[in-house]
Amino acid sequence: MKSILKNFINGILTIVPIILVVYVIYKTFMFLDSLLGNTLKLFFKDDYIPGIGLLTTIILITLLGWLSTKYVTGKMIKLIDRLLDKIPVVKTIYSVIKDTVQSFVGDKKSFSKVALVTLPGTEMKSVGFITSEQLESFYDPLKYHVAVYIPQTFQVAGFTFLVPKEQVEVIEVKAEDAMKFVLSGGMTSSAKQSKIEAK
């Protein structure tokens, strides 16, 4: 009986993560494919092949990226950018989306610096990511502070704290490892340590 239970647990530990990853990849693929795929299905009808929508989206984004480097089309895109930046309400939504995208794939990536923040009045520390070191443009008295994003365990959500620079300790840890550590509640480091000890 113990052997059966042990094999069942081993099955959960090995198969469930694989199934979940495949499911997430599948849902992501279907979502990206549907961006243009739903429109293309009207033309292809029964001949539509899954993936054409995703491929078309990638080609279109690449084409637009190339056009943005050209003089005439680049000027047009900048004009649209300035226009969206002046429309009330729209400019707020647009700037948030633009800054978020640039923080992940732009030249100045956020979430690249991992930091330890000491909780006030305690010796407890929290792992976070420095997202901005120039807060004076937001509010001048905060020029000696940095914005630190603290993700929540088992969630994508988190909190943004404005912390004095001298109270933030930047550590030499990869952002991916730090994110996995926080989201898993610290279990990833335990798993790695177990593998090391097993060897």
N, C-alpha and C. Protein backbone atom coordinates (compact mmCIF):
# COMPACT_ATOMS: atom_id res chain seq x y z
N MET A 1 0.83 -1.21 0.00
CA MET A 1 0.00 0.00 0.00
C MET A 1 0.87 1.26 0.00
N LYS A 2 1.92 1.25 0.83
CA LYS A 2 2.82 2.39 0.90
C LYS A 2 3.51 2.62 -0.45
N SER A 3 3.84 1.50 -1.12
CA SER A 3 4.50 1.58 -2.42
C SER A 3 3.58 2.23 -3.46
N ILE A 4 2.31 1.86 -3.42
CA ILE A 4 1.33 2.44 -4.36
C ILE A 4 1.16 3.93 -4.10
N LEU A 5 1.07 4.30 -2.81
CA LEU A 5 0.92 5.71 -2.43
C LEU A 5 2.15 6.52 -2.85
N LYS A 6 3.33 5.92 -2.67
CA LYS A 6 4.57 6.59 -3.03
C LYS A 6 4.63 6.82 -4.54
N ASN A 7 4.23 5.80 -5.32
CA ASN A 7 4.22 5.93 -6.78
C ASN A 7 3.20 6.97 -7.24
N PHE A 8 2.06 7.03 -6.53
CA PHE A 8 1.03 8.02 -6.86
C PHE A 8 1.55 9.43 -6.63
N ILE A 9 2.24 9.65 -5.50
CA ILE A 9 2.80 10.96 -5.18
C ILE A 9 3.88 11.33 -6.20
N ASN A 10 4.72 10.34 -6.56
CA ASN A 10 5.76 10.59 -7.56
C ASN A 10 5.13 10.97 -8.90
N GLY A 11 4.00 10.32 -9.20
CA GLY A 11 3.28 10.63 -10.44
C GLY A 11 2.78 12.07 -10.43
N ILE A 12 2.24 12.50 -9.28
CA ILE A 12 1.76 13.88 -9.16
C ILE A 12 2.91 14.87 -9.32
N LEU A 13 4.04 14.57 -8.67
CA LEU A 13 5.19 15.47 -8.69
C LEU A 13 5.80 15.61 -10.09
N THR A 14 5.73 14.55 -10.89
CA THR A 14 6.35 14.59 -12.22
C THR A 14 5.37 14.95 -13.32
N ILE A 15 4.14 14.42 -13.26
CA ILE A 15 3.19 14.59 -14.36
C ILE A 15 2.42 15.91 -14.27
N VAL A 16 1.94 16.28 -13.06
CA VAL A 16 1.11 17.48 -12.91
C VAL A 16 1.82 18.75 -13.42
N PRO A 17 3.11 18.99 -13.04
CA PRO A 17 3.78 20.18 -13.58
C PRO A 17 3.85 20.19 -15.11
N ILE A 18 4.09 18.99 -15.71
CA ILE A 18 4.17 18.89 -17.17
C ILE A 18 2.82 19.21 -17.79
N ILE A 19 1.74 18.65 -17.22
CA ILE A 19 0.39 18.89 -17.74
C ILE A 19 0.03 20.37 -17.65
N LEU A 20 0.36 20.99 -16.52
CA LEU A 20 0.04 22.41 -16.32
C LEU A 20 0.81 23.29 -17.30
N VAL A 21 2.09 22.97 -17.52
CA VAL A 21 2.91 23.75 -18.47
C VAL A 21 2.36 23.61 -19.88
N VAL A 22 2.01 22.39 -20.28
CA VAL A 22 1.44 22.15 -21.61
C VAL A 22 0.13 22.90 -21.76
N TYR A 23 -0.69 22.90 -20.71
CA TYR A 23 -1.97 23.59 -20.74
C TYR A 23 -1.79 25.10 -20.89
N VAL A 24 -0.84 25.66 -20.12
CA VAL A 24 -0.57 27.11 -20.20
C VAL A 24 -0.06 27.49 -21.58
N ILE A 25 0.87 26.67 -22.12
CA ILE A 25 1.40 26.93 -23.46
C ILE A 25 0.28 26.85 -24.50
N TYR A 26 -0.58 25.84 -24.35
CA TYR A 26 -1.71 25.68 -25.29
C TYR A 26 -2.65 26.88 -25.25
N LYS A 27 -3.03 27.32 -24.04
CA LYS A 27 -3.95 28.45 -23.90
C LYS A 27 -3.31 29.73 -24.43
N THR A 28 -2.00 29.90 -24.17
CA THR A 28 -1.29 31.08 -24.67
C THR A 28 -1.25 31.07 -26.19
N PHE A 29 -0.97 29.89 -26.75
CA PHE A 29 -0.92 29.74 -28.20
C PHE A 29 -2.28 30.06 -28.82
N MET A 30 -3.34 29.51 -28.23
CA MET A 30 -4.69 29.73 -28.76
C MET A 30 -5.09 31.20 -28.68
N PHE A 31 -4.68 31.88 -27.58
CA PHE A 31 -5.00 33.30 -27.44
C PHE A 31 -4.28 34.12 -28.49
N LEU A 32 -2.96 33.89 -28.64
CA LEU A 32 -2.18 34.66 -29.61
C LEU A 32 -2.62 34.36 -31.04
N ASP A 33 -2.99 33.10 -31.28
CA ASP A 33 -3.44 32.70 -32.62
C ASP A 33 -4.77 33.35 -32.96
N SER A 34 -5.60 33.58 -31.94
CA SER A 34 -6.93 34.14 -32.18
C SER A 34 -6.92 35.64 -32.44
N LEU A 35 -5.80 36.32 -32.13
CA LEU A 35 -5.73 37.77 -32.31
C LEU A 35 -6.07 38.16 -33.74
N LEU A 36 -5.46 37.46 -34.70
CA LEU A 36 -5.78 37.67 -36.10
C LEU A 36 -6.45 36.44 -36.72
N GLY A 37 -6.35 35.34 -36.00
CA GLY A 37 -6.91 34.09 -36.50
C GLY A 37 -8.40 34.14 -36.72
N ASN A 38 -9.13 34.79 -35.82
CA ASN A 38 -10.59 34.88 -35.95
C ASN A 38 -10.98 35.63 -37.22
N THR A 39 -10.17 36.63 -37.59
CA THR A 39 -10.44 37.37 -38.83
C THR A 39 -10.07 36.53 -40.05
N LEU A 40 -8.93 35.85 -39.96
CA LEU A 40 -8.46 35.03 -41.09
C LEU A 40 -9.38 33.85 -41.36
N LYS A 41 -10.04 33.36 -40.32
CA LYS A 41 -10.96 32.22 -40.49
C LYS A 41 -12.11 32.57 -41.43
N LEU A 42 -12.47 33.85 -41.50
CA LEU A 42 -13.55 34.28 -42.39
C LEU A 42 -13.16 34.10 -43.85
N PHE A 43 -11.85 34.16 -44.14
CA PHE A 43 -11.36 34.03 -45.52
C PHE A 43 -10.96 32.59 -45.83
N PHE A 44 -10.30 31.93 -44.84
CA PHE A 44 -9.85 30.56 -45.08
C PHE A 44 -10.97 29.53 -44.87
N LYS A 45 -11.90 29.86 -43.95
CA LYS A 45 -13.02 28.98 -43.61
C LYS A 45 -12.52 27.59 -43.20
N ASP A 46 -12.88 26.56 -43.94
CA ASP A 46 -12.52 25.19 -43.54
C ASP A 46 -11.05 24.87 -43.77
N ASP A 47 -10.34 25.71 -44.52
CA ASP A 47 -8.93 25.46 -44.82
C ASP A 47 -7.99 26.11 -43.81
N TYR A 48 -8.55 26.74 -42.78
CA TYR A 48 -7.71 27.43 -41.79
C TYR A 48 -6.89 26.42 -41.00
N ILE A 49 -5.60 26.71 -40.87
CA ILE A 49 -4.67 25.86 -40.11
C ILE A 49 -4.28 26.60 -38.83
N PRO A 50 -4.49 25.97 -37.66
CA PRO A 50 -4.09 26.62 -36.40
C PRO A 50 -2.62 27.04 -36.43
N GLY A 51 -2.36 28.26 -36.05
CA GLY A 51 -1.01 28.78 -36.06
C GLY A 51 -0.80 29.87 -37.09
N ILE A 52 -1.67 29.89 -38.11
CA ILE A 52 -1.56 30.92 -39.15
C ILE A 52 -1.79 32.31 -38.55
N GLY A 53 -2.75 32.40 -37.64
CA GLY A 53 -3.03 33.68 -36.98
C GLY A 53 -1.83 34.18 -36.19
N LEU A 54 -1.18 33.27 -35.45
CA LEU A 54 0.01 33.63 -34.67
C LEU A 54 1.15 34.04 -35.59
N LEU A 55 1.37 33.28 -36.66
CA LEU A 55 2.43 33.59 -37.62
C LEU A 55 2.19 34.95 -38.28
N THR A 56 0.93 35.21 -38.64
CA THR A 56 0.58 36.49 -39.25
C THR A 56 0.80 37.65 -38.28
N THR A 57 0.46 37.42 -37.00
CA THR A 57 0.67 38.44 -35.96
C THR A 57 2.15 38.78 -35.82
N ILE A 58 3.00 37.74 -35.78
CA ILE A 58 4.45 37.94 -35.65
C ILE A 58 4.99 38.71 -36.85
N ILE A 59 4.55 38.32 -38.06
CA ILE A 59 5.00 39.00 -39.28
C ILE A 59 4.55 40.46 -39.28
N LEU A 60 3.31 40.69 -38.86
CA LEU A 60 2.77 42.05 -38.85
C LEU A 60 3.52 42.94 -37.85
N ILE A 61 3.79 42.41 -36.65
CA ILE A 61 4.53 43.17 -35.64
C ILE A 61 5.94 43.48 -36.13
N THR A 62 6.59 42.48 -36.75
CA THR A 62 7.94 42.67 -37.30
C THR A 62 7.93 43.73 -38.40
N LEU A 63 6.92 43.68 -39.26
CA LEU A 63 6.79 44.65 -40.35
C LEU A 63 6.60 46.07 -39.81
N LEU A 64 5.73 46.20 -38.79
CA LEU A 64 5.50 47.51 -38.19
C LEU A 64 6.75 48.02 -37.48
N GLY A 65 7.49 47.11 -36.87
CA GLY A 65 8.74 47.49 -36.22
C GLY A 65 9.75 48.00 -37.24
N TRP A 66 9.79 47.35 -38.40
CA TRP A 66 10.68 47.79 -39.48
C TRP A 66 10.24 49.15 -40.03
N LEU A 67 8.93 49.32 -40.20
CA LEU A 67 8.41 50.59 -40.72
C LEU A 67 8.68 51.75 -39.77
N SER A 68 8.72 51.44 -38.45
CA SER A 68 8.95 52.50 -37.46
C SER A 68 10.37 53.06 -37.55
N THR A 69 11.27 52.33 -38.21
CA THR A 69 12.65 52.80 -38.36
C THR A 69 12.82 53.65 -39.63
N LYS A 70 11.82 53.67 -40.49
CA LYS A 70 11.89 54.44 -41.73
C LYS A 70 11.41 55.87 -41.48
N TYR A 71 11.88 56.79 -42.28
CA TYR A 71 11.64 58.21 -42.04
C TYR A 71 10.16 58.57 -42.05
N VAL A 72 9.46 58.30 -43.17
CA VAL A 72 8.06 58.72 -43.33
C VAL A 72 7.15 57.98 -42.37
N THR A 73 7.21 56.65 -42.39
CA THR A 73 6.34 55.84 -41.52
C THR A 73 6.68 56.04 -40.05
N GLY A 74 7.99 56.26 -39.78
CA GLY A 74 8.41 56.53 -38.40
C GLY A 74 7.81 57.81 -37.87
N LYS A 75 7.76 58.84 -38.73
CA LYS A 75 7.14 60.12 -38.35
C LYS A 75 5.65 59.93 -38.08
N MET A 76 4.99 59.10 -38.91
CA MET A 76 3.56 58.85 -38.73
C MET A 76 3.28 58.14 -37.41
N ILE A 77 4.11 57.15 -37.09
CA ILE A 77 3.94 56.41 -35.83
C ILE A 77 4.18 57.32 -34.64
N LYS A 78 5.19 58.20 -34.73
CA LYS A 78 5.46 59.16 -33.65
C LYS A 78 4.31 60.15 -33.50
N LEU A 79 3.69 60.49 -34.63
CA LEU A 79 2.54 61.40 -34.60
C LEU A 79 1.36 60.76 -33.87
N ILE A 80 1.13 59.47 -34.18
CA ILE A 80 0.06 58.72 -33.50
C ILE A 80 0.37 58.60 -32.01
N ASP A 81 1.66 58.38 -31.70
CA ASP A 81 2.11 58.26 -30.31
C ASP A 81 1.81 59.55 -29.54
N ARG A 82 2.15 60.70 -30.14
CA ARG A 82 1.90 62.00 -29.49
C ARG A 82 0.40 62.27 -29.36
N LEU A 83 -0.36 61.85 -30.37
CA LEU A 83 -1.81 62.05 -30.34
C LEU A 83 -2.45 61.27 -29.21
N LEU A 84 -2.06 60.00 -29.07
CA LEU A 84 -2.60 59.17 -27.99
C LEU A 84 -2.18 59.69 -26.62
N ASP A 85 -1.04 60.37 -26.60
CA ASP A 85 -0.50 60.90 -25.34
C ASP A 85 -1.18 62.19 -24.90
N LYS A 86 -2.09 62.71 -25.72
CA LYS A 86 -2.77 63.96 -25.40
C LYS A 86 -4.27 63.79 -25.15
N ILE A 87 -4.82 62.65 -25.52
CA ILE A 87 -6.25 62.42 -25.34
C ILE A 87 -6.53 62.06 -23.88
N PRO A 88 -7.40 62.79 -23.19
CA PRO A 88 -7.72 62.48 -21.78
C PRO A 88 -8.18 61.02 -21.63
N VAL A 89 -7.86 60.42 -20.53
CA VAL A 89 -8.18 59.03 -20.19
C VAL A 89 -7.38 58.06 -21.06
N VAL A 90 -7.44 58.24 -22.37
CA VAL A 90 -6.70 57.36 -23.28
C VAL A 90 -5.20 57.44 -23.00
N LYS A 91 -4.70 58.67 -22.72
CA LYS A 91 -3.26 58.84 -22.50
C LYS A 91 -2.80 58.08 -21.24
N THR A 92 -3.68 57.98 -20.25
CA THR A 92 -3.32 57.24 -19.03
C THR A 92 -3.18 55.75 -19.33
N ILE A 93 -4.18 55.21 -20.02
CA ILE A 93 -4.16 53.79 -20.39
C ILE A 93 -2.97 53.50 -21.30
N TYR A 94 -2.77 54.37 -22.29
CA TYR A 94 -1.70 54.18 -23.26
C TYR A 94 -0.32 54.22 -22.60
N SER A 95 -0.10 55.19 -21.71
CA SER A 95 1.21 55.32 -21.06
C SER A 95 1.51 54.14 -20.15
N VAL A 96 0.48 53.63 -19.46
CA VAL A 96 0.67 52.46 -18.58
C VAL A 96 1.06 51.25 -19.40
N ILE A 97 0.34 51.00 -20.49
CA ILE A 97 0.63 49.85 -21.35
C ILE A 97 2.02 50.00 -21.98
N LYS A 98 2.31 51.20 -22.48
CA LYS A 98 3.60 51.46 -23.14
C LYS A 98 4.76 51.26 -22.17
N ASP A 99 4.66 51.83 -20.98
CA ASP A 99 5.74 51.71 -19.99
C ASP A 99 5.91 50.27 -19.53
N THR A 100 4.78 49.55 -19.39
CA THR A 100 4.85 48.16 -18.96
C THR A 100 5.55 47.29 -19.99
N VAL A 101 5.19 47.47 -21.26
CA VAL A 101 5.84 46.71 -22.34
C VAL A 101 7.32 47.03 -22.40
N GLN A 102 7.67 48.33 -22.32
CA GLN A 102 9.07 48.73 -22.38
C GLN A 102 9.88 48.22 -21.19
N SER A 103 9.21 48.04 -20.06
CA SER A 103 9.92 47.55 -18.87
C SER A 103 10.36 46.11 -19.02
N PHE A 104 9.66 45.36 -19.91
CA PHE A 104 10.01 43.95 -20.11
C PHE A 104 10.92 43.74 -21.32
N VAL A 105 10.69 44.47 -22.41
CA VAL A 105 11.45 44.22 -23.63
C VAL A 105 12.22 45.43 -24.13
N GLY A 106 12.14 46.55 -23.44
CA GLY A 106 12.84 47.75 -23.88
C GLY A 106 14.30 47.75 -23.48
N ASP A 107 14.99 48.86 -23.82
CA ASP A 107 16.40 48.98 -23.46
C ASP A 107 16.60 49.09 -21.96
N LYS A 108 15.65 49.77 -21.30
CA LYS A 108 15.75 49.94 -19.85
C LYS A 108 14.77 49.00 -19.15
N LYS A 109 15.17 47.74 -19.04
CA LYS A 109 14.29 46.73 -18.47
C LYS A 109 14.16 46.91 -16.96
N SER A 110 12.92 46.80 -16.47
CA SER A 110 12.70 46.78 -15.03
C SER A 110 12.82 45.33 -14.56
N PHE A 111 12.68 45.12 -13.30
CA PHE A 111 12.77 43.78 -12.72
C PHE A 111 14.14 43.14 -12.94
N SER A 112 15.15 43.94 -13.28
CA SER A 112 16.48 43.39 -13.50
C SER A 112 17.32 43.43 -12.22
N LYS A 113 16.97 44.33 -11.29
CA LYS A 113 17.69 44.44 -10.03
C LYS A 113 16.87 43.83 -8.91
N VAL A 114 17.43 42.82 -8.27
CA VAL A 114 16.77 42.16 -7.14
C VAL A 114 17.23 42.84 -5.86
N ALA A 115 16.29 43.12 -4.96
CA ALA A 115 16.64 43.85 -3.74
C ALA A 115 16.01 43.21 -2.51
N LEU A 116 16.67 43.42 -1.38
CA LEU A 116 16.12 43.02 -0.09
C LEU A 116 15.66 44.29 0.63
N VAL A 117 14.44 44.24 1.14
CA VAL A 117 13.89 45.39 1.86
C VAL A 117 13.54 44.94 3.27
N THR A 118 14.04 45.65 4.26
CA THR A 118 13.75 45.32 5.65
C THR A 118 12.41 45.92 6.06
N LEU A 119 11.54 45.09 6.60
CA LEU A 119 10.23 45.58 7.03
C LEU A 119 10.40 46.48 8.24
N PRO A 120 9.75 47.65 8.24
CA PRO A 120 9.91 48.64 9.33
C PRO A 120 9.63 48.04 10.71
N GLY A 121 10.52 48.33 11.65
CA GLY A 121 10.33 47.89 13.03
C GLY A 121 10.62 46.43 13.27
N THR A 122 11.14 45.73 12.27
CA THR A 122 11.46 44.31 12.42
C THR A 122 12.82 44.01 11.80
N GLU A 123 13.24 42.76 11.94
CA GLU A 123 14.47 42.31 11.28
C GLU A 123 14.12 41.45 10.07
N MET A 124 12.83 41.35 9.76
CA MET A 124 12.40 40.54 8.63
C MET A 124 12.67 41.26 7.31
N LYS A 125 13.03 40.49 6.31
CA LYS A 125 13.32 41.05 5.00
C LYS A 125 12.38 40.47 3.94
N SER A 126 12.16 41.26 2.90
CA SER A 126 11.32 40.82 1.79
C SER A 126 12.08 40.99 0.49
N VAL A 127 11.88 40.04 -0.43
CA VAL A 127 12.55 40.11 -1.73
C VAL A 127 11.69 40.91 -2.70
N GLY A 128 12.30 41.85 -3.39
CA GLY A 128 11.56 42.66 -4.34
C GLY A 128 12.40 43.00 -5.55
N PHE A 129 11.85 43.82 -6.42
CA PHE A 129 12.52 44.22 -7.66
C PHE A 129 12.46 45.74 -7.80
N ILE A 130 13.60 46.35 -8.04
CA ILE A 130 13.64 47.80 -8.22
C ILE A 130 13.08 48.12 -9.60
N THR A 131 12.00 48.88 -9.64
CA THR A 131 11.36 49.21 -10.91
C THR A 131 11.64 50.64 -11.36
N SER A 132 12.04 51.50 -10.42
CA SER A 132 12.38 52.89 -10.78
C SER A 132 13.31 53.48 -9.73
N GLU A 133 14.36 54.14 -10.23
CA GLU A 133 15.32 54.78 -9.32
C GLU A 133 15.30 56.29 -9.47
N GLN A 134 14.37 56.81 -10.27
CA GLN A 134 14.27 58.25 -10.49
C GLN A 134 12.84 58.71 -10.22
N LEU A 135 12.52 58.81 -8.95
CA LEU A 135 11.16 59.16 -8.55
C LEU A 135 10.92 60.66 -8.47
N GLU A 136 11.98 61.46 -8.64
CA GLU A 136 11.79 62.91 -8.55
C GLU A 136 10.90 63.44 -9.67
N SER A 137 10.88 62.72 -10.81
CA SER A 137 10.01 63.14 -11.90
C SER A 137 8.54 62.89 -11.55
N PHE A 138 8.31 61.95 -10.63
CA PHE A 138 6.96 61.65 -10.16
C PHE A 138 6.56 62.61 -9.04
N TYR A 139 7.49 62.79 -8.06
CA TYR A 139 7.23 63.67 -6.92
C TYR A 139 8.59 64.02 -6.31
N ASP A 140 8.98 65.28 -6.40
CA ASP A 140 10.34 65.70 -6.06
C ASP A 140 10.84 65.26 -4.68
N PRO A 141 10.03 65.33 -3.61
CA PRO A 141 10.54 64.89 -2.30
C PRO A 141 10.95 63.40 -2.25
N LEU A 142 10.57 62.64 -3.28
CA LEU A 142 10.91 61.22 -3.29
C LEU A 142 12.21 60.94 -4.06
N LYS A 143 13.00 61.99 -4.32
CA LYS A 143 14.20 61.80 -5.13
C LYS A 143 15.25 60.91 -4.46
N TYR A 144 15.14 60.73 -3.15
CA TYR A 144 16.07 59.85 -2.45
C TYR A 144 15.44 58.49 -2.15
N HIS A 145 14.36 58.19 -2.86
CA HIS A 145 13.69 56.90 -2.72
C HIS A 145 13.77 56.13 -4.03
N VAL A 146 13.49 54.83 -3.96
CA VAL A 146 13.36 54.00 -5.14
C VAL A 146 12.05 53.23 -5.05
N ALA A 147 11.49 52.88 -6.21
CA ALA A 147 10.26 52.08 -6.23
C ALA A 147 10.64 50.61 -6.24
N VAL A 148 10.11 49.87 -5.30
CA VAL A 148 10.39 48.44 -5.19
C VAL A 148 9.09 47.67 -5.29
N TYR A 149 9.03 46.78 -6.26
CA TYR A 149 7.83 45.94 -6.44
C TYR A 149 8.01 44.65 -5.66
N ILE A 150 7.07 44.36 -4.76
CA ILE A 150 7.11 43.14 -3.95
C ILE A 150 6.00 42.20 -4.43
N PRO A 151 6.33 41.13 -5.16
CA PRO A 151 5.28 40.21 -5.62
C PRO A 151 4.75 39.37 -4.47
N GLN A 152 3.53 38.86 -4.63
CA GLN A 152 2.92 38.02 -3.61
C GLN A 152 3.12 36.55 -3.97
N THR A 153 3.24 35.73 -2.95
CA THR A 153 3.42 34.30 -3.14
C THR A 153 2.20 33.68 -3.80
N PHE A 154 2.45 32.81 -4.79
CA PHE A 154 1.40 32.08 -5.52
C PHE A 154 0.45 33.01 -6.27
N GLN A 155 0.88 34.25 -6.52
CA GLN A 155 0.04 35.20 -7.24
C GLN A 155 0.88 36.06 -8.17
N VAL A 156 0.23 36.64 -9.16
CA VAL A 156 0.91 37.59 -10.04
C VAL A 156 0.86 38.99 -9.43
N ALA A 157 -0.12 39.22 -8.57
CA ALA A 157 -0.29 40.54 -7.96
C ALA A 157 0.86 40.84 -7.00
N GLY A 158 0.96 42.12 -6.63
CA GLY A 158 2.00 42.51 -5.69
C GLY A 158 1.79 43.93 -5.21
N PHE A 159 2.77 44.46 -4.48
CA PHE A 159 2.70 45.81 -3.94
C PHE A 159 3.92 46.61 -4.40
N THR A 160 3.72 47.91 -4.60
CA THR A 160 4.83 48.80 -4.94
C THR A 160 5.10 49.70 -3.74
N PHE A 161 6.31 49.61 -3.19
CA PHE A 161 6.70 50.42 -2.04
C PHE A 161 7.75 51.44 -2.47
N LEU A 162 7.66 52.64 -1.91
CA LEU A 162 8.65 53.68 -2.16
C LEU A 162 9.57 53.71 -0.94
N VAL A 163 10.77 53.21 -1.13
CA VAL A 163 11.68 52.95 -0.02
C VAL A 163 12.91 53.85 -0.12
N PRO A 164 13.38 54.43 1.01
CA PRO A 164 14.62 55.21 0.99
C PRO A 164 15.78 54.37 0.43
N LYS A 165 16.61 54.97 -0.41
CA LYS A 165 17.68 54.24 -1.09
C LYS A 165 18.60 53.50 -0.13
N GLU A 166 18.89 54.14 1.02
CA GLU A 166 19.83 53.51 1.95
C GLU A 166 19.25 52.28 2.64
N GLN A 167 17.94 52.10 2.54
CA GLN A 167 17.30 50.94 3.17
C GLN A 167 17.08 49.79 2.19
N VAL A 168 17.58 49.96 0.96
CA VAL A 168 17.44 48.92 -0.06
C VAL A 168 18.79 48.27 -0.32
N GLU A 169 18.84 46.97 -0.21
CA GLU A 169 20.08 46.22 -0.45
C GLU A 169 19.95 45.43 -1.75
N VAL A 170 20.69 45.85 -2.77
CA VAL A 170 20.67 45.14 -4.06
C VAL A 170 21.53 43.89 -3.92
N ILE A 171 20.99 42.73 -4.32
CA ILE A 171 21.71 41.47 -4.18
C ILE A 171 21.98 40.85 -5.56
N GLU A 172 23.05 40.08 -5.65
CA GLU A 172 23.46 39.45 -6.91
C GLU A 172 22.70 38.14 -7.11
N VAL A 173 21.44 38.25 -7.46
CA VAL A 173 20.60 37.08 -7.73
C VAL A 173 19.88 37.33 -9.05
N LYS A 174 19.78 36.32 -9.89
CA LYS A 174 19.07 36.47 -11.16
C LYS A 174 17.60 36.79 -10.89
N ALA A 175 17.05 37.70 -11.70
CA ALA A 175 15.66 38.11 -11.52
C ALA A 175 14.71 36.92 -11.64
N GLU A 176 15.01 35.98 -12.57
CA GLU A 176 14.16 34.80 -12.75
C GLU A 176 14.15 33.94 -11.50
N ASP A 177 15.35 33.75 -10.90
CA ASP A 177 15.45 32.93 -9.69
C ASP A 177 14.72 33.59 -8.52
N ALA A 178 14.86 34.91 -8.43
CA ALA A 178 14.20 35.65 -7.34
C ALA A 178 12.68 35.56 -7.48
N MET A 179 12.18 35.70 -8.71
CA MET A 179 10.74 35.62 -8.93
C MET A 179 10.21 34.23 -8.60
N LYS A 180 10.94 33.20 -9.02
CA LYS A 180 10.52 31.82 -8.70
C LYS A 180 10.54 31.59 -7.19
N PHE A 181 11.55 32.14 -6.53
CA PHE A 181 11.67 32.00 -5.07
C PHE A 181 10.46 32.61 -4.37
N VAL A 182 10.07 33.83 -4.78
CA VAL A 182 8.96 34.52 -4.13
C VAL A 182 7.63 33.84 -4.45
N LEU A 183 7.38 33.58 -5.74
CA LEU A 183 6.10 33.01 -6.15
C LEU A 183 5.86 31.61 -5.57
N SER A 184 6.95 30.88 -5.31
CA SER A 184 6.80 29.53 -4.76
C SER A 184 6.83 29.52 -3.24
N GLY A 185 6.93 30.71 -2.63
CA GLY A 185 6.98 30.77 -1.17
C GLY A 185 8.30 30.29 -0.62
N GLY A 186 9.36 30.36 -1.43
CA GLY A 186 10.69 29.92 -0.99
C GLY A 186 10.97 28.46 -1.24
N MET A 187 10.00 27.76 -1.83
CA MET A 187 10.16 26.31 -2.01
C MET A 187 11.17 25.95 -3.09
N THR A 188 11.40 26.82 -4.07
CA THR A 188 12.35 26.50 -5.14
C THR A 188 13.76 26.35 -4.60
N SER A 189 14.12 27.20 -3.61
CA SER A 189 15.46 27.10 -3.04
C SER A 189 15.61 25.79 -2.25
N SER A 190 14.52 25.37 -1.59
CA SER A 190 14.54 24.11 -0.84
C SER A 190 14.71 22.94 -1.78
N ALA A 191 14.03 23.02 -2.94
CA ALA A 191 14.11 21.94 -3.93
C ALA A 191 15.53 21.83 -4.48
N LYS A 192 16.17 22.98 -4.76
CA LYS A 192 17.53 22.98 -5.29
C LYS A 192 18.50 22.42 -4.26
N GLN A 193 18.31 22.81 -2.99
CA GLN A 193 19.18 22.32 -1.92
C GLN A 193 19.06 20.83 -1.77
N SER A 194 17.84 20.28 -1.91
CA SER A 194 17.61 18.84 -1.80
C SER A 194 18.34 18.10 -2.90
N LYS A 195 18.32 18.66 -4.12
CA LYS A 195 19.00 18.03 -5.26
C LYS A 195 20.51 18.01 -5.05
N ILE A 196 21.04 19.13 -4.50
CA ILE A 196 22.48 19.22 -4.23
C ILE A 196 22.89 18.17 -3.21
N GLU A 197 22.10 18.05 -2.13
CA GLU A 197 22.40 17.09 -1.07
C GLU A 197 22.28 15.67 -1.57
N ALA A 198 21.32 15.42 -2.50
CA ALA A 198 21.12 14.09 -3.04
C ALA A 198 22.34 13.63 -3.85
N LYS A 199 23.00 14.61 -4.52
CA LYS A 199 24.18 14.27 -5.32
C LYS A 199 25.37 13.93 -4.41
